Amino acid sequence: MISKKLILFLFLLAVVFGPSCTIAIAQEAPADVDTRWFHTGKIWIFLSVVLFSCAIIFSIYRARGGGDIFIRRIAGLEAVDEAIGRSTEMGRPILYILGLGQVGDVATIASMNILGQVARKTADYETPLRVPCNDPIVLNVVREMVKAAYLDEGRPDAYSEDDIFFVTESQFAYAAAVDGMMVREKPAAVFLQGTFYAESLILAETGNSVGAIQIAGSDSDSQLPFFITACDYTLIGEELYAASAYLSREPMLLGSLKGQDYGKFLIFAGIVLGVILELVGITWVSTFFKEV
């Protein structure tokens, strides 16, 4: 505990030196302080954010109201049912690899959302689902997600906690352990979804060698060429983020996804319009953004 003498000493310091410090700070403070609540030079950025938000809200309400929300066909996601059905027919497990990302990484979150949808289907088909994890926090989150998916499908008895397990945090030790699982168990389907690094080709080639149908997805640009070469289907970039909405068809997710598409279209249209105006000699767009 802090002694009473120390508290008294600190109090005396505050009494003696406090007023002088306040005066010094007040003397050094600039006289022309900006008291405005909003930066008027950024008003168009504010309006752009409002417009983007309105597009998302409109799309969500439209989806909830039963409106037709078009999302282009993604071959890798269309093949999910095929991969699970193949595993069920062959009586072999499904191996789901979330990569080396942490629980806060966007790609890992997107991968866990896909895993939730895959777990629902494996619960219906009673297909074994193996999930080796690289991070202990990811492990606990994934266990709860898969358990909830099995419970929602009315098959809590089919859930096995031992099928979702921690391997190691070491990159290549993890790759070696997962490769050993592939060779021993020969899964009929392998999902590689998340953040991957130099181990991507090692995992994909091993899965290809055992004859598994492989569906990969990553936002790591440097690893996508390896997945495209060694896997049957590859989700590229934002396709990974759109997967949960695509598979679940949940109105909130579909509306958010469509609203973002509308926002991107508006941004692209603005860029094209600005380029055309600059080419014909109308420079107010570039002048405006320089001022902003």
Protein backbone atom coordinates (compact mmCIF):
# COMPACT_ATOMS: atom_id res chain seq x y z
CA MET A 1 0.00 0.00 0.00
CA ILE A 2 1.07 3.62 -0.59
CA SER A 3 2.15 5.27 2.65
CA LYS A 4 0.42 8.37 3.97
CA LYS A 5 3.69 10.31 3.82
CA LEU A 6 4.03 9.65 0.09
CA ILE A 7 0.45 10.76 -0.53
CA LEU A 8 1.07 13.96 1.46
CA PHE A 9 4.29 14.61 -0.45
CA LEU A 10 2.55 14.24 -3.83
CA PHE A 11 -0.24 16.53 -2.67
CA LEU A 12 2.27 19.24 -1.69
CA LEU A 13 4.00 18.97 -5.08
CA ALA A 14 0.67 19.43 -6.82
CA VAL A 15 -0.15 22.48 -4.69
CA VAL A 16 3.25 24.12 -5.17
CA PHE A 17 3.98 23.39 -8.84
CA GLY A 18 0.49 22.86 -10.23
CA PRO A 19 -0.48 26.54 -10.73
CA SER A 20 2.86 27.43 -12.37
CA CYS A 21 2.54 24.54 -14.84
CA THR A 22 -0.99 25.63 -15.71
CA ILE A 23 0.13 29.20 -16.33
CA ALA A 24 3.02 28.08 -18.54
CA ILE A 25 0.75 25.88 -20.64
CA ALA A 26 -1.79 28.68 -20.96
CA GLN A 27 0.92 31.12 -22.13
CA GLU A 28 2.20 28.71 -24.77
CA ALA A 29 -1.27 27.87 -26.16
CA PRO A 30 -1.94 29.43 -29.57
CA ALA A 31 -4.44 32.25 -29.68
CA ASP A 32 -6.12 31.24 -32.96
CA VAL A 33 -7.68 27.95 -31.87
CA ASP A 34 -10.12 26.45 -34.39
CA THR A 35 -13.40 25.92 -32.53
CA ARG A 36 -15.38 24.51 -35.45
CA TRP A 37 -17.01 21.11 -34.96
CA PHE A 38 -16.53 20.06 -38.58
CA HIS A 39 -13.75 20.51 -41.10
CA THR A 40 -15.65 22.19 -43.92
CA GLY A 41 -12.89 21.32 -46.39
CA LYS A 42 -13.75 17.61 -45.91
CA ILE A 43 -17.50 17.96 -46.44
CA TRP A 44 -17.46 15.95 -49.69
CA ILE A 45 -15.73 13.06 -47.96
CA PHE A 46 -18.48 13.12 -45.35
CA LEU A 47 -21.17 13.12 -48.05
CA SER A 48 -19.44 10.22 -49.81
CA VAL A 49 -19.49 8.17 -46.61
CA VAL A 50 -23.18 8.99 -46.11
CA LEU A 51 -23.97 7.97 -49.70
CA PHE A 52 -22.03 4.73 -49.32
CA SER A 53 -23.83 3.94 -46.05
CA CYS A 54 -27.23 4.66 -47.62
CA ALA A 55 -26.45 2.21 -50.44
CA ILE A 56 -25.65 -0.54 -47.92
CA ILE A 57 -28.74 0.17 -45.78
CA PHE A 58 -30.99 0.23 -48.86
CA SER A 59 -29.59 -3.12 -50.04
CA ILE A 60 -30.07 -4.72 -46.60
CA TYR A 61 -33.72 -3.62 -46.42
CA ARG A 62 -34.27 -4.81 -49.98
CA ALA A 63 -32.80 -8.22 -49.16
CA ARG A 64 -34.90 -8.51 -46.00
CA GLY A 65 -37.99 -7.61 -48.00
CA GLY A 66 -37.47 -10.55 -50.31
CA GLY A 67 -35.95 -8.60 -53.20
CA ASP A 68 -33.88 -10.38 -55.81
CA ILE A 69 -30.20 -9.87 -54.93
CA PHE A 70 -27.99 -10.95 -57.79
CA ILE A 71 -24.50 -12.25 -57.00
CA ARG A 72 -22.40 -13.60 -59.82
CA ARG A 73 -21.66 -17.29 -59.81
CA ILE A 74 -18.41 -18.27 -58.04
CA ALA A 75 -17.23 -21.68 -59.21
CA GLY A 76 -15.26 -22.46 -56.06
CA LEU A 77 -18.29 -21.94 -53.84
CA GLU A 78 -20.59 -23.84 -56.16
CA ALA A 79 -18.24 -26.81 -55.73
CA VAL A 80 -18.57 -26.92 -51.92
CA ASP A 81 -21.58 -29.25 -52.03
CA GLU A 82 -19.80 -31.40 -54.60
CA ALA A 83 -16.72 -31.72 -52.40
CA ILE A 84 -18.73 -32.61 -49.29
CA GLY A 85 -20.88 -35.08 -51.22
CA ARG A 86 -17.79 -36.73 -52.68
CA SER A 87 -16.30 -37.18 -49.21
CA THR A 88 -19.56 -38.65 -47.94
CA GLU A 89 -19.82 -41.15 -50.81
CA MET A 90 -16.21 -42.25 -50.42
CA GLY A 91 -16.45 -42.50 -46.63
CA ARG A 92 -13.37 -40.31 -46.20
CA PRO A 93 -12.96 -37.18 -44.04
CA ILE A 94 -12.87 -33.52 -45.01
CA LEU A 95 -9.76 -31.55 -44.05
CA TYR A 96 -10.28 -27.84 -43.42
CA ILE A 97 -7.11 -25.71 -43.11
CA LEU A 98 -7.46 -22.13 -41.86
CA GLY A 99 -3.89 -21.10 -42.62
CA LEU A 100 -1.49 -19.29 -40.31
CA GLY A 101 -3.52 -16.15 -39.60
CA GLN A 102 -4.48 -14.85 -36.16
CA VAL A 103 -8.05 -14.62 -34.96
CA GLY A 104 -8.14 -10.87 -35.74
CA ASP A 105 -7.07 -11.24 -39.38
CA VAL A 106 -9.80 -10.51 -41.91
CA ALA A 107 -8.94 -13.59 -44.00
CA THR A 108 -9.13 -15.83 -40.92
CA ILE A 109 -12.53 -14.43 -39.95
CA ALA A 110 -13.79 -15.00 -43.50
CA SER A 111 -12.40 -18.53 -43.42
CA MET A 112 -14.17 -19.27 -40.12
CA ASN A 113 -17.45 -18.05 -41.63
CA ILE A 114 -17.01 -20.48 -44.52
CA LEU A 115 -16.16 -23.24 -42.04
CA GLY A 116 -19.44 -22.59 -40.23
CA GLN A 117 -21.37 -23.23 -43.45
CA VAL A 118 -19.28 -26.31 -44.27
CA ALA A 119 -19.89 -27.67 -40.75
CA ARG A 120 -23.65 -27.38 -41.24
CA LYS A 121 -23.47 -29.57 -44.32
CA THR A 122 -21.12 -32.12 -42.74
CA ALA A 123 -23.51 -32.34 -39.80
CA ASP A 124 -26.35 -33.21 -42.19
CA TYR A 125 -24.28 -35.74 -44.14
CA GLU A 126 -22.51 -37.15 -41.05
CA THR A 127 -19.15 -36.62 -42.74
CA PRO A 128 -16.02 -36.41 -40.53
CA LEU A 129 -14.56 -32.90 -40.46
CA ARG A 130 -10.90 -32.43 -39.40
CA VAL A 131 -9.64 -28.93 -38.56
CA PRO A 132 -5.94 -28.64 -37.56
CA CYS A 133 -5.25 -25.21 -36.03
CA ASN A 134 -2.07 -23.16 -35.89
CA ASP A 135 -3.23 -20.73 -33.19
CA PRO A 136 -4.74 -21.70 -29.79
CA ILE A 137 -7.18 -18.76 -29.81
CA VAL A 138 -8.38 -19.68 -33.28
CA LEU A 139 -8.77 -23.24 -32.00
CA ASN A 140 -11.21 -22.22 -29.25
CA VAL A 141 -13.23 -19.96 -31.55
CA VAL A 142 -13.47 -22.64 -34.23
CA ARG A 143 -14.59 -25.26 -31.72
CA GLU A 144 -17.44 -23.06 -30.57
CA MET A 145 -18.45 -22.21 -34.16
CA VAL A 146 -18.52 -25.82 -35.32
CA LYS A 147 -20.31 -26.93 -32.16
CA ALA A 148 -22.96 -24.24 -32.73
CA ALA A 149 -23.34 -25.32 -36.36
CA TYR A 150 -23.94 -28.94 -35.38
CA LEU A 151 -26.39 -27.83 -32.68
CA ASP A 152 -28.33 -25.66 -35.14
CA GLU A 153 -28.66 -28.63 -37.48
CA GLY A 154 -29.99 -30.78 -34.66
CA ARG A 155 -26.95 -33.08 -34.60
CA PRO A 156 -25.00 -32.21 -31.42
CA ASP A 157 -24.22 -35.92 -30.97
CA ALA A 158 -22.23 -35.93 -34.23
CA TYR A 159 -19.87 -33.20 -33.02
CA SER A 160 -16.45 -34.38 -31.88
CA GLU A 161 -14.18 -31.89 -30.16
CA ASP A 162 -11.15 -34.08 -30.89
CA ASP A 163 -11.55 -33.45 -34.63
CA ILE A 164 -10.63 -29.79 -34.07
CA PHE A 165 -7.18 -29.70 -32.54
CA PHE A 166 -4.05 -27.60 -32.07
CA VAL A 167 -0.91 -28.66 -33.94
CA THR A 168 1.86 -26.07 -33.50
CA GLU A 169 2.57 -22.39 -34.06
CA SER A 170 5.71 -23.17 -36.08
CA GLN A 171 5.09 -22.57 -39.78
CA PHE A 172 6.83 -25.52 -41.42
CA ALA A 173 6.22 -27.89 -38.51
CA TYR A 174 2.51 -27.19 -39.00
CA ALA A 175 2.82 -27.81 -42.75
CA ALA A 176 4.66 -31.10 -42.14
CA ALA A 177 2.06 -32.29 -39.62
CA VAL A 178 -0.85 -31.47 -41.93
CA ASP A 179 0.91 -33.15 -44.87
CA GLY A 180 1.30 -36.27 -42.72
CA MET A 181 -2.44 -36.21 -42.01
CA MET A 182 -3.20 -35.99 -45.72
CA VAL A 183 -0.98 -38.94 -46.54
CA ARG A 184 -2.33 -41.12 -43.71
CA GLU A 185 -6.03 -40.29 -43.83
CA LYS A 186 -6.33 -39.42 -47.55
CA PRO A 187 -9.19 -36.92 -47.24
CA ALA A 188 -11.54 -36.72 -50.20
CA ALA A 189 -11.83 -32.91 -49.93
CA VAL A 190 -9.37 -30.29 -48.69
CA PHE A 191 -10.31 -26.68 -47.96
CA LEU A 192 -7.42 -24.20 -47.82
CA GLN A 193 -9.01 -20.93 -46.72
CA GLY A 194 -7.28 -18.06 -44.94
CA THR A 195 -3.82 -16.50 -44.74
CA PHE A 196 -0.97 -18.54 -46.18
CA TYR A 197 2.71 -17.99 -46.74
CA ALA A 198 5.55 -20.17 -48.07
CA GLU A 199 3.80 -23.37 -46.93
CA SER A 200 0.91 -22.91 -49.41
CA LEU A 201 2.43 -24.91 -52.26
CA ILE A 202 3.60 -27.67 -49.88
CA LEU A 203 0.07 -28.17 -48.60
CA ALA A 204 -1.60 -27.87 -52.00
CA GLU A 205 0.78 -30.29 -53.73
CA THR A 206 0.32 -32.90 -51.02
CA GLY A 207 -3.45 -32.61 -51.23
CA ASN A 208 -3.25 -32.97 -54.99
CA SER A 209 -1.05 -36.07 -54.67
CA VAL A 210 -3.63 -37.94 -52.55
CA GLY A 211 -6.38 -37.23 -55.08
CA ALA A 212 -8.44 -34.82 -52.96
CA ILE A 213 -10.68 -32.19 -54.49
CA GLN A 214 -9.20 -28.91 -53.27
CA ILE A 215 -10.92 -25.55 -52.82
CA ALA A 216 -8.49 -22.79 -51.87
CA GLY A 217 -8.96 -19.14 -51.04
CA SER A 218 -6.65 -16.40 -49.82
CA ASP A 219 -6.07 -12.66 -49.89
CA SER A 220 -2.30 -13.22 -50.13
CA ASP A 221 -1.51 -12.17 -53.69
CA SER A 222 1.88 -13.87 -53.66
CA GLN A 223 0.35 -17.28 -52.85
CA LEU A 224 -2.60 -17.26 -55.25
CA PRO A 225 -0.56 -18.52 -58.25
CA PHE A 226 0.37 -21.67 -56.31
CA PHE A 227 -3.25 -22.34 -55.36
CA ILE A 228 -4.44 -21.76 -58.92
CA THR A 229 -1.85 -24.25 -60.17
CA ALA A 230 -2.31 -27.04 -57.61
CA CYS A 231 -5.99 -26.74 -56.58
CA ASP A 232 -9.23 -27.46 -58.39
CA TYR A 233 -10.90 -24.17 -57.41
CA THR A 234 -9.48 -20.94 -56.03
CA LEU A 235 -11.25 -17.99 -54.40
CA ILE A 236 -9.35 -14.86 -55.37
CA GLY A 237 -9.23 -11.81 -53.14
CA GLU A 238 -12.68 -10.52 -52.24
CA GLU A 239 -14.34 -13.77 -53.29
CA LEU A 240 -13.09 -15.12 -49.97
CA TYR A 241 -14.87 -12.33 -48.09
CA ALA A 242 -18.09 -12.80 -50.07
CA ALA A 243 -18.18 -16.55 -49.47
CA SER A 244 -20.17 -16.50 -46.22
CA ALA A 245 -22.94 -14.42 -47.82
CA TYR A 246 -22.87 -16.57 -50.95
CA LEU A 247 -23.22 -19.85 -49.05
CA SER A 248 -25.66 -18.80 -46.31
CA ARG A 249 -27.89 -16.47 -48.39
CA GLU A 250 -28.56 -14.57 -45.18
CA PRO A 251 -30.33 -11.25 -46.05
CA MET A 252 -28.09 -9.11 -43.82
CA LEU A 253 -24.90 -10.44 -45.41
CA LEU A 254 -26.31 -10.36 -48.94
CA GLY A 255 -27.52 -6.78 -48.52
CA SER A 256 -24.18 -5.63 -47.13
CA LEU A 257 -22.33 -7.29 -49.99
CA LYS A 258 -24.59 -5.75 -52.64
CA GLY A 259 -24.40 -2.32 -51.00
CA GLN A 260 -20.61 -2.44 -51.14
CA ASP A 261 -20.84 -3.27 -54.84
CA TYR A 262 -23.02 -0.20 -55.39
CA GLY A 263 -20.49 1.93 -53.51
CA LYS A 264 -17.61 0.60 -55.61
CA PHE A 265 -19.59 1.31 -58.77
CA LEU A 266 -20.12 4.92 -57.69
CA ILE A 267 -16.41 5.34 -56.96
CA PHE A 268 -15.46 3.84 -60.31
CA ALA A 269 -18.00 6.05 -62.13
CA GLY A 270 -16.57 9.11 -60.37
CA ILE A 271 -13.04 8.20 -61.44
CA VAL A 272 -14.11 7.69 -65.07
CA LEU A 273 -16.03 10.98 -65.07
CA GLY A 274 -13.04 12.82 -63.62
CA VAL A 275 -10.67 11.39 -66.24
CA ILE A 276 -13.03 12.36 -69.08
CA LEU A 277 -13.41 15.91 -67.76
CA GLU A 278 -9.64 16.27 -67.42
CA LEU A 279 -9.13 15.06 -71.01
CA VAL A 280 -11.55 17.68 -72.39
CA GLY A 281 -9.85 20.45 -70.41
CA ILE A 282 -12.25 20.79 -67.47
CA THR A 283 -9.95 20.79 -64.45
CA TRP A 284 -12.29 21.65 -61.61
CA VAL A 285 -12.25 18.07 -60.31
CA SER A 286 -8.47 17.93 -59.77
CA THR A 287 -8.51 21.49 -58.41
CA PHE A 288 -11.23 20.56 -55.95
CA PHE A 289 -9.35 17.54 -54.60
CA LYS A 290 -6.14 19.54 -54.28
CA GLU A 291 -8.00 22.06 -52.14
CA VAL A 292 -9.55 19.31 -50.05
